[in-house]
């Protein structure tokens, strides 16, 4: 029984010893081997590795993947026009020299980020203050990021890191300027709207005036054509009447009398008080054209 216990204890000790001397390096990591507090080796190849047990040797792992540093706070930056801008940025970086990285910032990634942020902000300030708002927003935005990256590449060597990219995420006016800019934009939009409404009203009046003019012209031309047609009709009617009346004068006299009667009594309610023997009723008493004269009435 004692022999079995001894073997179990020995196996446990061997396992603990092996686990303290063997370690696995992931392909996403650097392994830095320390020997009594001094960096002895930096392992970049993944796989199963061997070291001496603590306290003779220890291992620290560093992430070799790309890291992202965002602007910790939005500080206003003045442009060449003395306009205050708030710029949000980000920096892509990764560890390139593990020994230099550990000597300068230790094994904690946050240490290098805390030291790198002021450097990025200072480089961005220097580039922005030399340019106008228009240049920062549009025309030279890409150049600003390129120049900041070039400045950081030299500074990054002391930290043992590589700057992969620098990007400006957002550019905005500071709060005290934003309200005045929005007010100016609103006033400008209102001015443009009023100008468009005025132009539309003037165009509308012009169209209505042109339509009224065209309507008057069309009505006048239609009246002229109607009068012309009516005149031509009256002329033809007069010619026909003249020809007919020339053939039969008695019919002409009879027709004119009928027209006179029609004009005198336009409505059934019309009343005329005249002597029946008046010349006006001659045709009515005669009974038509060519009729014999009526016999004189006999006295009672």
C-alpha atoms as a PDB file:
ATOM      1  CA  UNK A   1       0.000   0.000   0.000  1.00  0.00           C
ATOM      2  CA  UNK A   2       2.808   2.365   0.844  1.00  0.00           C
ATOM      3  CA  UNK A   3       4.430   1.502  -2.471  1.00  0.00           C
ATOM      4  CA  UNK A   4       1.273   2.455  -4.421  1.00  0.00           C
ATOM      5  CA  UNK A   5       1.019   5.750  -2.548  1.00  0.00           C
ATOM      6  CA  UNK A   6       4.646   6.501  -3.267  1.00  0.00           C
ATOM      7  CA  UNK A   7       4.148   5.805  -6.961  1.00  0.00           C
ATOM      8  CA  UNK A   8       1.083   8.073  -7.066  1.00  0.00           C
ATOM      9  CA  UNK A   9       2.960  10.870  -5.330  1.00  0.00           C
ATOM     10  CA  UNK A  10       5.877  10.425  -7.694  1.00  0.00           C
ATOM     11  CA  UNK A  11       3.589  10.540 -10.740  1.00  0.00           C
ATOM     12  CA  UNK A  12       1.961  13.701  -9.420  1.00  0.00           C
ATOM     13  CA  UNK A  13       5.329  15.349  -8.887  1.00  0.00           C
ATOM     14  CA  UNK A  14       6.426  14.342 -12.386  1.00  0.00           C
ATOM     15  CA  UNK A  15       3.243  15.753 -13.864  1.00  0.00           C
ATOM     16  CA  UNK A  16       3.648  19.038 -12.037  1.00  0.00           C
ATOM     17  CA  UNK A  17       7.264  19.222 -13.114  1.00  0.00           C
ATOM     18  CA  UNK A  18       6.371  18.526 -16.745  1.00  0.00           C
ATOM     19  CA  UNK A  19       3.532  21.070 -16.704  1.00  0.00           C
ATOM     20  CA  UNK A  20       5.904  23.712 -15.378  1.00  0.00           C
ATOM     21  CA  UNK A  21       8.480  23.037 -18.081  1.00  0.00           C
ATOM     22  CA  UNK A  22       6.218  22.597 -21.119  1.00  0.00           C
ATOM     23  CA  UNK A  23       4.045  25.293 -22.643  1.00  0.00           C
ATOM     24  CA  UNK A  24       2.144  25.866 -25.918  1.00  0.00           C
ATOM     25  CA  UNK A  25       2.697  28.938 -28.095  1.00  0.00           C
ATOM     26  CA  UNK A  26      -0.419  29.962 -30.042  1.00  0.00           C
ATOM     27  CA  UNK A  27       0.001  31.352 -33.565  1.00  0.00           C
ATOM     28  CA  UNK A  28      -1.707  34.565 -32.404  1.00  0.00           C
ATOM     29  CA  UNK A  29       0.884  35.165 -29.679  1.00  0.00           C
ATOM     30  CA  UNK A  30       4.518  35.919 -28.930  1.00  0.00           C
ATOM     31  CA  UNK A  31       6.074  33.956 -26.058  1.00  0.00           C
ATOM     32  CA  UNK A  32       8.725  35.816 -24.051  1.00  0.00           C
ATOM     33  CA  UNK A  33      10.848  33.582 -21.813  1.00  0.00           C
ATOM     34  CA  UNK A  34      12.340  35.204 -18.695  1.00  0.00           C
ATOM     35  CA  UNK A  35      15.337  33.803 -16.835  1.00  0.00           C
ATOM     36  CA  UNK A  36      15.609  35.283 -13.352  1.00  0.00           C
ATOM     37  CA  UNK A  37      13.849  38.508 -14.449  1.00  0.00           C
ATOM     38  CA  UNK A  38      15.827  38.921 -17.691  1.00  0.00           C
ATOM     39  CA  UNK A  39      14.474  38.290 -21.183  1.00  0.00           C
ATOM     40  CA  UNK A  40      16.219  35.188 -22.465  1.00  0.00           C
ATOM     41  CA  UNK A  41      14.253  34.311 -25.574  1.00  0.00           C
ATOM     42  CA  UNK A  42      11.337  35.495 -27.728  1.00  0.00           C
ATOM     43  CA  UNK A  43       9.469  32.633 -29.407  1.00  0.00           C
ATOM     44  CA  UNK A  44       7.526  33.562 -32.545  1.00  0.00           C
ATOM     45  CA  UNK A  45       6.834  30.096 -33.964  1.00  0.00           C
ATOM     46  CA  UNK A  46       3.721  28.271 -32.665  1.00  0.00           C
ATOM     47  CA  UNK A  47       3.918  24.818 -31.097  1.00  0.00           C
ATOM     48  CA  UNK A  48       4.899  22.914 -27.944  1.00  0.00           C
ATOM     49  CA  UNK A  49       7.946  24.486 -26.247  1.00  0.00           C
ATOM     50  CA  UNK A  50      10.228  23.658 -23.297  1.00  0.00           C
ATOM     51  CA  UNK A  51      11.637  25.796 -20.499  1.00  0.00           C
ATOM     52  CA  UNK A  52      13.099  25.392 -17.044  1.00  0.00           C
ATOM     53  CA  UNK A  53      10.656  25.257 -14.173  1.00  0.00           C
ATOM     54  CA  UNK A  54       9.996  28.374 -12.057  1.00  0.00           C
ATOM     55  CA  UNK A  55      11.643  30.280 -10.523  1.00  0.00           C
ATOM     56  CA  UNK A  56      14.445  29.654 -13.025  1.00  0.00           C
ATOM     57  CA  UNK A  57      12.358  30.586 -16.057  1.00  0.00           C
ATOM     58  CA  UNK A  58       8.897  32.142 -16.624  1.00  0.00           C
ATOM     59  CA  UNK A  59       6.835  32.801 -19.760  1.00  0.00           C
ATOM     60  CA  UNK A  60       4.836  35.915 -20.714  1.00  0.00           C
ATOM     61  CA  UNK A  61       2.547  35.942 -23.755  1.00  0.00           C
ATOM     62  CA  UNK A  62       1.958  38.969 -25.966  1.00  0.00           C
ATOM     63  CA  UNK A  63      -0.904  39.301 -28.453  1.00  0.00           C
ATOM     64  CA  UNK A  64       0.567  39.642 -31.936  1.00  0.00           C
ATOM     65  CA  UNK A  65      -2.769  40.490 -33.583  1.00  0.00           C
ATOM     66  CA  UNK A  66      -3.745  43.968 -34.761  1.00  0.00           C
ATOM     67  CA  UNK A  67      -4.968  46.256 -31.987  1.00  0.00           C
ATOM     68  CA  UNK A  68      -7.300  49.264 -32.182  1.00  0.00           C
ATOM     69  CA  UNK A  69      -6.741  52.454 -30.216  1.00  0.00           C
ATOM     70  CA  UNK A  70      -9.758  54.794 -30.156  1.00  0.00           C
ATOM     71  CA  UNK A  71      -9.609  58.434 -29.137  1.00  0.00           C
ATOM     72  CA  UNK A  72     -10.223  58.388 -25.372  1.00  0.00           C
ATOM     73  CA  UNK A  73     -11.942  61.792 -25.363  1.00  0.00           C
ATOM     74  CA  UNK A  74     -13.037  64.397 -27.893  1.00  0.00           C
ATOM     75  CA  UNK A  75     -11.013  67.560 -27.465  1.00  0.00           C
ATOM     76  CA  UNK A  76     -11.613  70.673 -29.596  1.00  0.00           C
ATOM     77  CA  UNK A  77      -8.878  71.508 -32.111  1.00  0.00           C
ATOM     78  CA  UNK A  78      -8.560  74.942 -33.718  1.00  0.00           C
ATOM     79  CA  UNK A  79      -8.031  75.167 -37.460  1.00  0.00           C
ATOM     80  CA  UNK A  80      -6.052  77.815 -39.355  1.00  0.00           C
ATOM     81  CA  UNK A  81      -9.303  79.861 -39.430  1.00  0.00           C
ATOM     82  CA  UNK A  82      -9.594  79.681 -35.622  1.00  0.00           C
ATOM     83  CA  UNK A  83     -12.646  77.417 -35.916  1.00  0.00           C
ATOM     84  CA  UNK A  84     -13.026  74.797 -33.195  1.00  0.00           C
ATOM     85  CA  UNK A  85     -13.427  71.203 -34.424  1.00  0.00           C
ATOM     86  CA  UNK A  86     -14.056  68.001 -32.482  1.00  0.00           C
ATOM     87  CA  UNK A  87     -12.308  65.039 -34.141  1.00  0.00           C
ATOM     88  CA  UNK A  88     -12.702  61.349 -33.279  1.00  0.00           C
ATOM     89  CA  UNK A  89      -9.908  59.095 -34.518  1.00  0.00           C
ATOM     90  CA  UNK A  90      -8.622  55.546 -34.305  1.00  0.00           C
ATOM     91  CA  UNK A  91      -5.183  53.952 -34.747  1.00  0.00           C
ATOM     92  CA  UNK A  92      -4.499  50.384 -35.855  1.00  0.00           C
ATOM     93  CA  UNK A  93      -1.248  48.975 -34.404  1.00  0.00           C
ATOM     94  CA  UNK A  94       0.470  45.715 -33.495  1.00  0.00           C
ATOM     95  CA  UNK A  95       3.530  44.521 -31.632  1.00  0.00           C
ATOM     96  CA  UNK A  96       6.578  44.252 -33.905  1.00  0.00           C
ATOM     97  CA  UNK A  97       9.479  44.090 -31.387  1.00  0.00           C
ATOM     98  CA  UNK A  98       8.455  42.131 -28.274  1.00  0.00           C
ATOM     99  CA  UNK A  99      11.708  42.862 -26.398  1.00  0.00           C
ATOM    100  CA  UNK A 100      11.436  46.620 -26.960  1.00  0.00           C
ATOM    101  CA  UNK A 101       7.726  46.515 -26.156  1.00  0.00           C
ATOM    102  CA  UNK A 102       8.270  44.826 -22.790  1.00  0.00           C
ATOM    103  CA  UNK A 103      11.261  47.006 -21.861  1.00  0.00           C
ATOM    104  CA  UNK A 104       9.281  50.166 -22.604  1.00  0.00           C
ATOM    105  CA  UNK A 105       5.727  49.358 -21.525  1.00  0.00           C
ATOM    106  CA  UNK A 106       5.754  45.983 -19.789  1.00  0.00           C
ATOM    107  CA  UNK A 107       3.465  43.151 -20.823  1.00  0.00           C
ATOM    108  CA  UNK A 108       0.203  45.093 -20.384  1.00  0.00           C
ATOM    109  CA  UNK A 109      -1.251  46.448 -23.671  1.00  0.00           C
ATOM    110  CA  UNK A 110      -3.051  49.241 -21.837  1.00  0.00           C
ATOM    111  CA  UNK A 111       0.259  50.803 -20.815  1.00  0.00           C
ATOM    112  CA  UNK A 112       1.324  51.480 -24.396  1.00  0.00           C
ATOM    113  CA  UNK A 113      -2.160  52.725 -25.335  1.00  0.00           C
ATOM    114  CA  UNK A 114      -2.143  55.240 -22.470  1.00  0.00           C
ATOM    115  CA  UNK A 115       1.234  56.546 -23.646  1.00  0.00           C
ATOM    116  CA  UNK A 116       0.379  56.498 -27.353  1.00  0.00           C
ATOM    117  CA  UNK A 117      -2.911  58.457 -27.099  1.00  0.00           C
ATOM    118  CA  UNK A 118      -1.322  61.852 -26.231  1.00  0.00           C
ATOM    119  CA  UNK A 119       1.190  61.401 -29.059  1.00  0.00           C
ATOM    120  CA  UNK A 120      -1.587  60.772 -31.580  1.00  0.00           C
ATOM    121  CA  UNK A 121      -3.564  63.754 -30.301  1.00  0.00           C
ATOM    122  CA  UNK A 122      -0.540  66.044 -30.511  1.00  0.00           C
ATOM    123  CA  UNK A 123       0.261  64.941 -34.075  1.00  0.00           C
ATOM    124  CA  UNK A 124      -3.358  65.453 -35.106  1.00  0.00           C
ATOM    125  CA  UNK A 125      -3.436  68.901 -33.496  1.00  0.00           C
ATOM    126  CA  UNK A 126      -0.343  69.984 -35.403  1.00  0.00           C
ATOM    127  CA  UNK A 127      -1.734  68.800 -38.746  1.00  0.00           C
ATOM    128  CA  UNK A 128      -5.212  70.321 -38.251  1.00  0.00           C
ATOM    129  CA  UNK A 129      -4.011  73.735 -37.063  1.00  0.00           C
ATOM    130  CA  UNK A 130      -2.218  74.220 -40.395  1.00  0.00           C
ATOM    131  CA  UNK A 131      -5.356  73.640 -42.471  1.00  0.00           C
ATOM    132  CA  UNK A 132      -8.780  75.182 -43.014  1.00  0.00           C
ATOM    133  CA  UNK A 133     -12.103  73.594 -42.103  1.00  0.00           C
ATOM    134  CA  UNK A 134     -12.791  72.766 -45.753  1.00  0.00           C
ATOM    135  CA  UNK A 135      -9.420  71.043 -46.086  1.00  0.00           C
ATOM    136  CA  UNK A 136      -9.946  68.940 -42.949  1.00  0.00           C
ATOM    137  CA  UNK A 137     -13.486  67.959 -43.937  1.00  0.00           C
ATOM    138  CA  UNK A 138     -12.990  67.268 -47.634  1.00  0.00           C
ATOM    139  CA  UNK A 139     -10.058  68.283 -49.773  1.00  0.00           C
ATOM    140  CA  UNK A 140      -7.127  67.203 -47.538  1.00  0.00           C
ATOM    141  CA  UNK A 141      -8.723  64.766 -45.130  1.00  0.00           C
ATOM    142  CA  UNK A 142      -6.795  61.799 -46.539  1.00  0.00           C
ATOM    143  CA  UNK A 143      -3.531  63.746 -46.432  1.00  0.00           C
ATOM    144  CA  UNK A 144      -4.107  64.650 -42.776  1.00  0.00           C
ATOM    145  CA  UNK A 145      -4.396  60.946 -41.892  1.00  0.00           C
ATOM    146  CA  UNK A 146      -1.325  60.073 -43.973  1.00  0.00           C
ATOM    147  CA  UNK A 147       0.793  62.804 -42.353  1.00  0.00           C
ATOM    148  CA  UNK A 148      -0.277  61.777 -38.844  1.00  0.00           C
ATOM    149  CA  UNK A 149       0.627  58.180 -39.625  1.00  0.00           C
ATOM    150  CA  UNK A 150       4.095  59.175 -40.847  1.00  0.00           C
ATOM    151  CA  UNK A 151       4.714  61.141 -37.656  1.00  0.00           C
ATOM    152  CA  UNK A 152       3.577  58.203 -35.497  1.00  0.00           C
ATOM    153  CA  UNK A 153       5.753  55.651 -37.295  1.00  0.00           C
ATOM    154  CA  UNK A 154       8.922  57.214 -35.859  1.00  0.00           C
ATOM    155  CA  UNK A 155       7.429  57.610 -32.385  1.00  0.00           C
ATOM    156  CA  UNK A 156       6.136  54.023 -32.398  1.00  0.00           C
ATOM    157  CA  UNK A 157       9.601  52.477 -32.766  1.00  0.00           C
ATOM    158  CA  UNK A 158      10.482  53.319 -29.170  1.00  0.00           C
ATOM    159  CA  UNK A 159       7.432  51.321 -28.037  1.00  0.00           C
ATOM    160  CA  UNK A 160       8.288  48.291 -30.172  1.00  0.00           C
ATOM    161  CA  UNK A 161       5.051  48.557 -32.159  1.00  0.00           C
ATOM    162  CA  UNK A 162       4.101  49.106 -35.800  1.00  0.00           C
ATOM    163  CA  UNK A 163       1.483  51.679 -36.875  1.00  0.00           C
ATOM    164  CA  UNK A 164      -0.735  50.010 -39.483  1.00  0.00           C
ATOM    165  CA  UNK A 165      -3.284  52.744 -40.136  1.00  0.00           C
ATOM    166  CA  UNK A 166      -4.687  56.038 -38.847  1.00  0.00           C
ATOM    167  CA  UNK A 167      -8.311  56.974 -39.520  1.00  0.00           C
ATOM    168  CA  UNK A 168     -10.476  60.005 -38.756  1.00  0.00           C
ATOM    169  CA  UNK A 169     -13.912  58.702 -37.806  1.00  0.00           C
ATOM    170  CA  UNK A 170     -15.845  61.925 -37.265  1.00  0.00           C
ATOM    171  CA  UNK A 171     -15.271  65.647 -37.647  1.00  0.00           C
ATOM    172  CA  UNK A 172     -17.769  68.039 -36.123  1.00  0.00           C
ATOM    173  CA  UNK A 173     -17.976  71.576 -34.832  1.00  0.00           C
ATOM    174  CA  UNK A 174     -17.892  72.145 -31.113  1.00  0.00           C
ATOM    175  CA  UNK A 175     -21.210  72.627 -29.321  1.00  0.00           C
ATOM    176  CA  UNK A 176     -21.072  76.442 -29.186  1.00  0.00           C
ATOM    177  CA  UNK A 177     -20.436  76.659 -32.930  1.00  0.00           C
ATOM    178  CA  UNK A 178     -22.827  73.898 -34.003  1.00  0.00           C
ATOM    179  CA  UNK A 179     -25.927  75.836 -32.930  1.00  0.00           C
ATOM    180  CA  UNK A 180     -24.839  78.953 -34.840  1.00  0.00           C
ATOM    181  CA  UNK A 181     -23.997  76.858 -37.912  1.00  0.00           C
ATOM    182  CA  UNK A 182     -27.416  75.187 -37.810  1.00  0.00           C
ATOM    183  CA  UNK A 183     -29.100  78.586 -37.414  1.00  0.00           C
ATOM    184  CA  UNK A 184     -27.191  79.933 -40.391  1.00  0.00           C
ATOM    185  CA  UNK A 185     -28.087  76.846 -42.438  1.00  0.00           C
ATOM    186  CA  UNK A 186     -31.750  77.227 -41.462  1.00  0.00           C
ATOM    187  CA  UNK A 187     -31.746  80.905 -42.465  1.00  0.00           C
ATOM    188  CA  UNK A 188     -30.101  80.049 -45.766  1.00  0.00           C
ATOM    189  CA  UNK A 189     -32.666  77.320 -46.479  1.00  0.00           C
ATOM    190  CA  UNK A 190     -35.509  79.722 -45.656  1.00  0.00           C
ATOM    191  CA  UNK A 191     -34.019  82.346 -47.954  1.00  0.00           C
ATOM    192  CA  UNK A 192     -33.753  79.829 -50.781  1.00  0.00           C
ATOM    193  CA  UNK A 193     -37.315  78.631 -50.126  1.00  0.00           C
ATOM    194  CA  UNK A 194     -38.681  82.188 -50.170  1.00  0.00           C
ATOM    195  CA  UNK A 195     -36.755  82.913 -53.349  1.00  0.00           C
ATOM    196  CA  UNK A 196     -38.165  79.796 -54.983  1.00  0.00           C
ATOM    197  CA  UNK A 197     -41.682  80.698 -53.853  1.00  0.00           C
ATOM    198  CA  UNK A 198     -41.273  84.242 -55.233  1.00  0.00           C
ATOM    199  CA  UNK A 199     -39.957  82.910 -58.518  1.00  0.00           C
ATOM    200  CA  UNK A 200     -42.820  80.429 -58.682  1.00  0.00           C
ATOM    201  CA  UNK A 201     -45.374  83.160 -57.954  1.00  0.00           C
ATOM    202  CA  UNK A 202     -43.907  85.388 -60.666  1.00  0.00           C
ATOM    203  CA  UNK A 203     -43.907  82.503 -63.136  1.00  0.00           C
ATOM    204  CA  UNK A 204     -47.512  81.712 -62.158  1.00  0.00           C
ATOM    205  CA  UNK A 205     -48.613  85.301 -62.750  1.00  0.00           C
ATOM    206  CA  UNK A 206     -46.804  85.284 -66.066  1.00  0.00           C
ATOM    207  CA  UNK A 207     -48.516  82.056 -67.121  1.00  0.00           C
ATOM    208  CA  UNK A 208     -51.937  83.332 -66.028  1.00  0.00           C
ATOM    209  CA  UNK A 209     -51.425  86.629 -67.874  1.00  0.00           C
ATOM    210  CA  UNK A 210     -50.351  84.768 -71.000  1.00  0.00           C
ATOM    211  CA  UNK A 211     -53.376  82.460 -70.698  1.00  0.00           C
ATOM    212  CA  UNK A 212     -55.725  85.449 -70.310  1.00  0.00           C
ATOM    213  CA  UNK A 213     -54.150  87.125 -73.318  1.00  0.00           C
ATOM    214  CA  UNK A 214     -54.512  83.971 -75.386  1.00  0.00           C
ATOM    215  CA  UNK A 215     -58.124  83.617 -74.251  1.00  0.00           C
ATOM    216  CA  UNK A 216     -58.899  87.214 -75.300  1.00  0.00           C
ATOM    217  CA  UNK A 217     -57.203  86.643 -78.649  1.00  0.00           C
ATOM    218  CA  UNK A 218     -59.100  83.398 -79.235  1.00  0.00           C
ATOM    219  CA  UNK A 219     -62.456  84.979 -78.260  1.00  0.00           C
ATOM    220  CA  UNK A 220     -61.771  88.022 -80.458  1.00  0.00           C
ATOM    221  CA  UNK A 221     -60.785  85.849 -83.407  1.00  0.00           C
ATOM    222  CA  UNK A 222     -63.838  83.654 -82.885  1.00  0.00           C
ATOM    223  CA  UNK A 223     -66.122  86.720 -82.715  1.00  0.00           C
ATOM    224  CA  UNK A 224     -64.469  88.125 -85.840  1.00  0.00           C
ATOM    225  CA  UNK A 225     -64.973  84.838 -87.706  1.00  0.00           C
ATOM    226  CA  UNK A 226     -68.554  84.606 -86.453  1.00  0.00           C
ATOM    227  CA  UNK A 227     -69.333  88.146 -87.583  1.00  0.00           C
ATOM    228  CA  UNK A 228     -67.696  87.419 -90.913  1.00  0.00           C
ATOM    229  CA  UNK A 229     -69.775  84.284 -91.402  1.00  0.00           C
ATOM    230  CA  UNK A 230     -72.891  86.091 -90.233  1.00  0.00           C
ATOM    231  CA  UNK A 231     -72.213  88.954 -92.637  1.00  0.00           C
ATOM    232  CA  UNK A 232     -71.694  86.543 -95.488  1.00  0.00           C
ATOM    233  CA  UNK A 233     -74.959  84.802 -94.553  1.00  0.00           C
ATOM    234  CA  UNK A 234     -76.825  88.085 -94.341  1.00  0.00           C
ATOM    235  CA  UNK A 235     -75.436  89.101 -97.713  1.00  0.00           C
ATOM    236  CA  UNK A 236     -76.547  85.834 -99.297  1.00  0.00           C
ATOM    237  CA  UNK A 237     -79.967  86.131 -97.619  1.00  0.00           C
ATOM    238  CA  UNK A 238     -80.366  89.693 -98.851  1.00  0.00           C
ATOM    239  CA  UNK A 239     -79.428  88.609-102.370  1.00  0.00           C
ATOM    240  CA  UNK A 240     -81.996  85.795-102.242  1.00  0.00           C
ATOM    241  CA  UNK A 241     -84.646  88.123-100.836  1.00  0.00           C
ATOM    242  CA  UNK A 242     -83.883  90.744-103.488  1.00  0.00           C
ATOM    243  CA  UNK A 243     -84.150  88.165-106.254  1.00  0.00           C
ATOM    244  CA  UNK A 244     -87.390  86.766-104.867  1.00  0.00           C
ATOM    245  CA  UNK A 245     -88.922  90.188-104.224  1.00  0.00           C
ATOM    246  CA  UNK A 246     -87.951  91.323-107.724  1.00  0.00           C
ATOM    247  CA  UNK A 247     -89.916  88.454-109.247  1.00  0.00           C
ATOM    248  CA  UNK A 248     -93.081  89.134-107.230  1.00  0.00           C
ATOM    249  CA  UNK A 249     -93.505  92.645-105.738  1.00  0.00           C
ATOM    250  CA  UNK A 250     -96.844  91.760-104.113  1.00  0.00           C
ATOM    251  CA  UNK A 251     -95.228  88.829-102.275  1.00  0.00           C
ATOM    252  CA  UNK A 252     -92.474  91.157-101.127  1.00  0.00           C
ATOM    253  CA  UNK A 253     -95.016  93.596 -99.712  1.00  0.00           C
ATOM    254  CA  UNK A 254     -96.893  90.746 -98.055  1.00  0.00           C
ATOM    255  CA  UNK A 255     -93.688  89.302 -96.513  1.00  0.00           C
ATOM    256  CA  UNK A 256     -92.646  92.681 -95.127  1.00  0.00           C
ATOM    257  CA  UNK A 257     -96.073  93.121 -93.567  1.00  0.00           C
ATOM    258  CA  UNK A 258     -95.775  89.720 -91.877  1.00  0.00           C
ATOM    259  CA  UNK A 259     -92.352  90.670 -90.546  1.00  0.00           C
ATOM    260  CA  UNK A 260     -93.861  93.886 -89.210  1.00  0.00           C
ATOM    261  CA  UNK A 261     -96.649  91.936 -87.483  1.00  0.00           C
ATOM    262  CA  UNK A 262     -94.102  89.510 -85.998  1.00  0.00           C
ATOM    263  CA  UNK A 263     -92.040  92.402 -84.658  1.00  0.00           C
ATOM    264  CA  UNK A 264     -95.142  94.147 -83.245  1.00  0.00           C
ATOM    265  CA  UNK A 265     -96.419  91.065 -81.380  1.00  0.00           C
ATOM    266  CA  UNK A 266     -93.427  89.211 -79.990  1.00  0.00           C
ATOM    267  CA  UNK A 267     -95.335  87.833 -77.022  1.00  0.00           C
ATOM    268  CA  UNK A 268     -98.884  86.535 -76.673  1.00  0.00           C
ATOM    269  CA  UNK A 269     -99.574  89.121 -74.014  1.00  0.00           C
ATOM    270  CA  UNK A 270     -98.724  92.113 -76.242  1.00  0.00           C
ATOM    271  CA  UNK A 271    -101.659  94.545 -76.758  1.00  0.00           C
ATOM    272  CA  UNK A 272    -101.975  97.310 -79.392  1.00  0.00           C
ATOM    273  CA  UNK A 273    -104.834  99.825 -79.400  1.00  0.00           C
ATOM    274  CA  UNK A 274    -105.257 101.263 -82.951  1.00  0.00           C
ATOM    275  CA  UNK A 275    -108.027 101.934 -85.427  1.00  0.00           C
ATOM    276  CA  UNK A 276    -108.845  98.697 -87.316  1.00  0.00           C
ATOM    277  CA  UNK A 277    -108.990 100.681 -90.522  1.00  0.00           C
ATOM    278  CA  UNK A 278    -105.389 101.746 -90.047  1.00  0.00           C
ATOM    279  CA  UNK A 279    -103.043 101.176 -92.940  1.00  0.00           C
ATOM    280  CA  UNK A 280    -101.020  98.856 -90.709  1.00  0.00           C
ATOM    281  CA  UNK A 281    -103.730  96.162 -90.971  1.00  0.00           C
ATOM    282  CA  UNK A 282    -104.128  96.457 -94.723  1.00  0.00           C
ATOM    283  CA  UNK A 283    -102.495  93.107 -95.431  1.00  0.00           C
ATOM    284  CA  UNK A 284    -104.409  91.387 -92.685  1.00  0.00           C
ATOM    285  CA  UNK A 285    -107.698  92.654 -94.036  1.00  0.00           C
ATOM    286  CA  UNK A 286    -106.709  91.745 -97.615  1.00  0.00           C
ATOM    287  CA  UNK A 287    -106.129  88.088 -96.592  1.00  0.00           C
ATOM    288  CA  UNK A 288    -102.819  87.627 -98.332  1.00  0.00           C
ATOM    289  CA  UNK A 289    -101.057  88.585-101.554  1.00  0.00           C
ATOM    290  CA  UNK A 290    -103.299  88.698-104.589  1.00  0.00           C
ATOM    291  CA  UNK A 291    -106.523  88.344-102.561  1.00  0.00           C
ATOM    292  CA  UNK A 292    -109.497  90.530-103.611  1.00  0.00           C
ATOM    293  CA  UNK A 293    -110.242  93.543-101.531  1.00  0.00           C
ATOM    294  CA  UNK A 294    -112.749  92.946 -98.771  1.00  0.00           C
ATOM    295  CA  UNK A 295    -116.282  94.258 -99.349  1.00  0.00           C
ATOM    296  CA  UNK A 296    -117.271  97.340 -97.453  1.00  0.00           C
ATOM    297  CA  UNK A 297    -119.466  96.553 -94.446  1.00  0.00           C
ATOM    298  CA  UNK A 298    -123.121  97.271 -94.810  1.00  0.00           C
ATOM    299  CA  UNK A 299    -124.686  99.807 -92.607  1.00  0.00           C
ATOM    300  CA  UNK A 300    -127.451  98.737 -90.305  1.00  0.00           C
END
